Amino acid sequence: MNVFRNTVVSLTFKLFDDRNGLIEEAVEPIAYLHGGYSGIFPRVEQALADKRAGDSVSVTLEPADAFGDYDASLVRMEPVDTLPDDVKVGGYLVSEKDGEEVVWRVTDIAEGKAVLDGNHELAGQRVRFDATVVEVRPATQEEIAHGHVHGAHGHHH
């Protein structure tokens, strides 16, 4: 079966930085609902159209096509004493901004202040996404209605 709208695509992938350094690898297949449901980068989804099990794609993604451009306005300093006691460099905090959840990465702590960065760690970077299709199957009506893949025993919201 070929990849087309409303199919569930299982794939393995490797994500590389612009110097060919491996960032992430999915050895166990991940699955997404194909057809504009936001389950995978749109440019990767375009490259996977009409592929079948065993086919591979390699897509270079500019920041706007992957993790976004780096936004300096998403970096702020906060007094450490206003943050949870277990705050540490490399940790994450979650807050709400304009009704949206924002994940802040703690990038530095010095002189009683913590630097919080709301950008994705790969924001502003060009990446390469190499994927191999493992399986393609028709999506269930429930998966299509919900806009995402369900597990072997269904899905409960």
Protein backbone atom coordinates (compact mmCIF):
# COMPACT_ATOMS: atom_id res chain seq x y z
CA MET A 1 0.00 0.00 0.00
CA ASN A 2 1.21 3.49 -0.82
CA VAL A 3 1.20 6.49 1.51
CA PHE A 4 -1.76 8.78 0.83
CA ARG A 5 -4.30 10.86 2.77
CA ASN A 6 -5.83 8.99 5.74
CA THR A 7 -3.23 6.25 5.92
CA VAL A 8 -1.25 5.48 9.05
CA VAL A 9 2.46 5.54 8.30
CA SER A 10 4.96 3.80 10.58
CA LEU A 11 8.57 4.82 10.08
CA THR A 12 11.98 4.92 11.62
CA PHE A 13 14.03 8.10 11.37
CA LYS A 14 17.28 9.86 12.10
CA LEU A 15 17.48 13.60 12.67
CA PHE A 16 20.80 15.33 11.92
CA ASP A 17 22.09 18.85 12.51
CA ASP A 18 23.64 20.88 9.68
CA ARG A 19 27.08 19.41 10.43
CA ASN A 20 25.75 15.85 9.99
CA GLY A 21 25.72 15.21 13.75
CA LEU A 22 23.03 12.79 14.90
CA ILE A 23 20.49 14.58 17.11
CA GLU A 24 17.85 11.88 17.51
CA GLU A 25 17.12 8.41 16.21
CA ALA A 26 13.91 6.37 16.33
CA VAL A 27 14.94 2.75 16.05
CA GLU A 28 11.46 1.60 17.07
CA PRO A 29 8.90 2.80 14.51
CA ILE A 30 6.76 5.84 15.21
CA ALA A 31 3.36 6.26 13.53
CA TYR A 32 1.48 9.29 12.26
CA LEU A 33 -1.74 9.95 10.37
CA HIS A 34 -0.88 11.13 6.86
CA GLY A 35 -2.82 13.96 5.24
CA GLY A 36 -2.22 17.29 6.96
CA TYR A 37 -3.02 16.32 10.56
CA SER A 38 0.17 17.94 11.94
CA GLY A 39 1.66 14.61 13.01
CA ILE A 40 4.95 15.22 11.21
CA PHE A 41 6.77 18.12 9.55
CA PRO A 42 4.75 19.15 6.44
CA ARG A 43 7.78 18.96 4.10
CA VAL A 44 8.56 15.44 5.33
CA GLU A 45 4.92 14.47 4.84
CA GLN A 46 5.11 15.79 1.25
CA ALA A 47 8.25 13.72 0.60
CA LEU A 48 6.56 10.58 1.97
CA ALA A 49 3.50 10.88 -0.30
CA ASP A 50 3.13 7.84 -2.58
CA LYS A 51 5.99 5.95 -0.86
CA ARG A 52 5.52 2.38 0.39
CA ALA A 53 7.08 0.11 3.01
CA GLY A 54 10.85 -0.07 2.48
CA ASP A 55 11.12 3.33 0.76
CA SER A 56 13.31 6.04 2.29
CA VAL A 57 13.39 9.83 2.10
CA SER A 58 15.91 12.46 3.14
CA VAL A 59 14.61 15.99 3.65
CA THR A 60 16.62 19.05 4.64
CA LEU A 61 14.47 21.41 6.67
CA GLU A 62 15.13 25.10 7.12
CA PRO A 63 14.24 26.51 10.57
CA ALA A 64 10.81 27.73 9.42
CA ASP A 65 10.00 24.19 8.21
CA ALA A 66 11.16 22.47 11.40
CA PHE A 67 11.53 23.99 14.87
CA GLY A 68 11.07 27.65 13.97
CA ASP A 69 13.33 30.66 13.88
CA TYR A 70 15.08 31.65 17.09
CA ASP A 71 13.03 34.35 18.84
CA ALA A 72 15.08 36.46 21.29
CA SER A 73 11.85 37.76 22.86
CA LEU A 74 11.31 34.25 24.27
CA VAL A 75 14.36 34.60 26.52
CA ARG A 76 13.89 36.14 29.96
CA MET A 77 15.56 36.38 33.34
CA GLU A 78 13.70 35.55 36.52
CA PRO A 79 14.76 35.72 40.18
CA VAL A 80 15.57 32.17 41.33
CA ASP A 81 13.60 32.68 44.54
CA THR A 82 10.38 33.00 42.49
CA LEU A 83 10.94 29.60 40.84
CA PRO A 84 10.51 26.06 42.19
CA ASP A 85 13.19 24.95 44.67
CA ASP A 86 14.46 22.19 42.38
CA VAL A 87 15.17 24.51 39.41
CA LYS A 88 18.47 23.68 37.70
CA VAL A 89 20.32 24.35 34.44
CA GLY A 90 18.98 21.99 31.80
CA GLY A 91 15.62 21.71 33.54
CA TYR A 92 12.25 22.82 32.24
CA LEU A 93 9.40 24.95 33.60
CA VAL A 94 5.91 25.22 32.18
CA SER A 95 3.78 28.37 32.27
CA GLU A 96 0.85 29.85 30.42
CA LYS A 97 1.17 32.83 28.10
CA ASP A 98 -1.80 34.25 26.18
CA GLY A 99 -3.77 31.06 26.85
CA GLU A 100 -1.00 28.84 25.44
CA GLU A 101 1.33 26.55 27.34
CA VAL A 102 4.97 27.63 27.11
CA VAL A 103 7.86 25.36 28.05
CA TRP A 104 10.87 27.27 29.36
CA ARG A 105 14.32 25.68 29.34
CA VAL A 106 16.66 26.85 32.12
CA THR A 107 19.88 27.75 30.32
CA ASP A 108 21.83 29.49 33.11
CA ILE A 109 21.66 30.35 36.79
CA ALA A 110 23.91 33.04 38.23
CA GLU A 111 23.77 35.78 40.85
CA GLY A 112 20.29 34.77 42.00
CA LYS A 113 18.76 34.86 38.53
CA ALA A 114 17.79 32.14 36.08
CA VAL A 115 17.82 32.53 32.30
CA LEU A 116 14.69 30.95 30.79
CA ASP A 117 14.47 30.22 27.06
CA GLY A 118 11.06 29.50 25.50
CA ASN A 119 12.54 28.55 22.12
CA HIS A 120 12.75 24.91 21.10
CA GLU A 121 16.32 23.68 21.59
CA LEU A 122 16.67 23.33 17.81
CA ALA A 123 15.08 26.67 16.92
CA GLY A 124 17.03 28.54 14.26
CA GLN A 125 18.79 25.40 13.03
CA ARG A 126 18.69 23.65 9.68
CA VAL A 127 18.15 19.92 10.17
CA ARG A 128 17.99 16.83 7.98
CA PHE A 129 15.28 14.23 8.51
CA ASP A 130 16.04 10.76 7.08
CA ALA A 131 13.15 8.31 7.30
CA THR A 132 12.35 4.78 6.17
CA VAL A 133 8.75 3.65 5.83
CA VAL A 134 8.15 0.46 7.82
CA GLU A 135 4.41 -0.01 7.28
CA VAL A 136 1.41 1.72 5.70
CA ARG A 137 -2.18 0.85 6.60
CA PRO A 138 -5.59 2.47 6.16
CA ALA A 139 -6.57 4.68 9.10
CA THR A 140 -9.67 3.77 11.07
CA GLN A 141 -12.68 6.09 11.00
CA GLU A 142 -12.01 6.90 14.66
CA GLU A 143 -8.39 7.89 13.90
CA ILE A 144 -9.55 10.12 11.05
CA ALA A 145 -12.23 11.72 13.23
CA HIS A 146 -9.72 12.37 16.04
CA GLY A 147 -6.91 13.44 13.67
CA HIS A 148 -4.26 11.12 15.11
CA VAL A 149 -3.16 7.49 15.33
CA HIS A 150 -4.58 5.21 18.01
CA GLY A 151 -2.91 2.19 19.56
CA ALA A 152 -3.78 -1.45 19.04
CA HIS A 153 -6.60 -1.33 21.62
CA GLY A 154 -8.20 1.93 20.55
CA HIS A 155 -7.94 5.30 22.21
CA HIS A 156 -9.86 6.98 25.01
CA HIS A 157 -10.00 10.76 25.44
